[in-house]
Amino acid sequence: MAAERLSMRTIKEVLRLKWEKKFSNKQIEQSCKIAR
């Protein structure tokens, strides 16, 4: 089953949360409403 594609905006937001805000994967998942 193919994964749904993410927009570039979503990808940038995930990276920002991960590296600037030091969010955990679970926090990012909840914030962006995407699967881990």
Protein backbone atom coordinates (compact mmCIF):
# COMPACT_ATOMS: atom_id res chain seq x y z
CA MET A 1 0.00 0.00 0.00
CA ALA A 2 1.48 3.34 -1.07
CA ALA A 3 1.93 6.10 1.47
CA GLU A 4 0.13 9.37 0.95
CA ARG A 5 2.42 12.13 -0.31
CA LEU A 6 3.13 15.09 1.93
CA SER A 7 3.26 18.66 0.72
CA MET A 8 6.58 20.47 0.85
CA ARG A 9 5.09 22.82 3.46
CA THR A 10 4.32 19.87 5.73
CA ILE A 11 7.80 18.42 5.29
CA LYS A 12 9.40 21.76 6.15
CA GLU A 13 7.18 22.09 9.22
CA VAL A 14 8.16 18.59 10.41
CA LEU A 15 11.85 19.41 10.02
CA ARG A 16 11.42 22.75 11.79
CA LEU A 17 9.65 21.12 14.73
CA LYS A 18 12.25 18.35 14.91
CA TRP A 19 15.41 20.49 14.81
CA GLU A 20 14.40 23.96 16.08
CA LYS A 21 11.82 23.01 18.70
CA LYS A 22 13.31 19.58 19.59
CA PHE A 23 9.87 17.95 19.41
CA SER A 24 9.52 14.18 19.72
CA ASN A 25 8.09 12.18 16.82
CA LYS A 26 4.83 11.77 18.73
CA GLN A 27 4.53 15.53 19.30
CA ILE A 28 5.19 16.19 15.60
CA GLU A 29 2.62 13.55 14.64
CA GLN A 30 -0.03 15.25 16.77
CA SER A 31 0.91 18.78 15.72
CA CYS A 32 0.93 18.10 11.95
CA LYS A 33 -1.87 15.50 12.04
CA ILE A 34 0.19 12.92 10.15
CA ALA A 35 1.20 9.34 10.90
CA ARG A 36 4.60 8.66 12.41
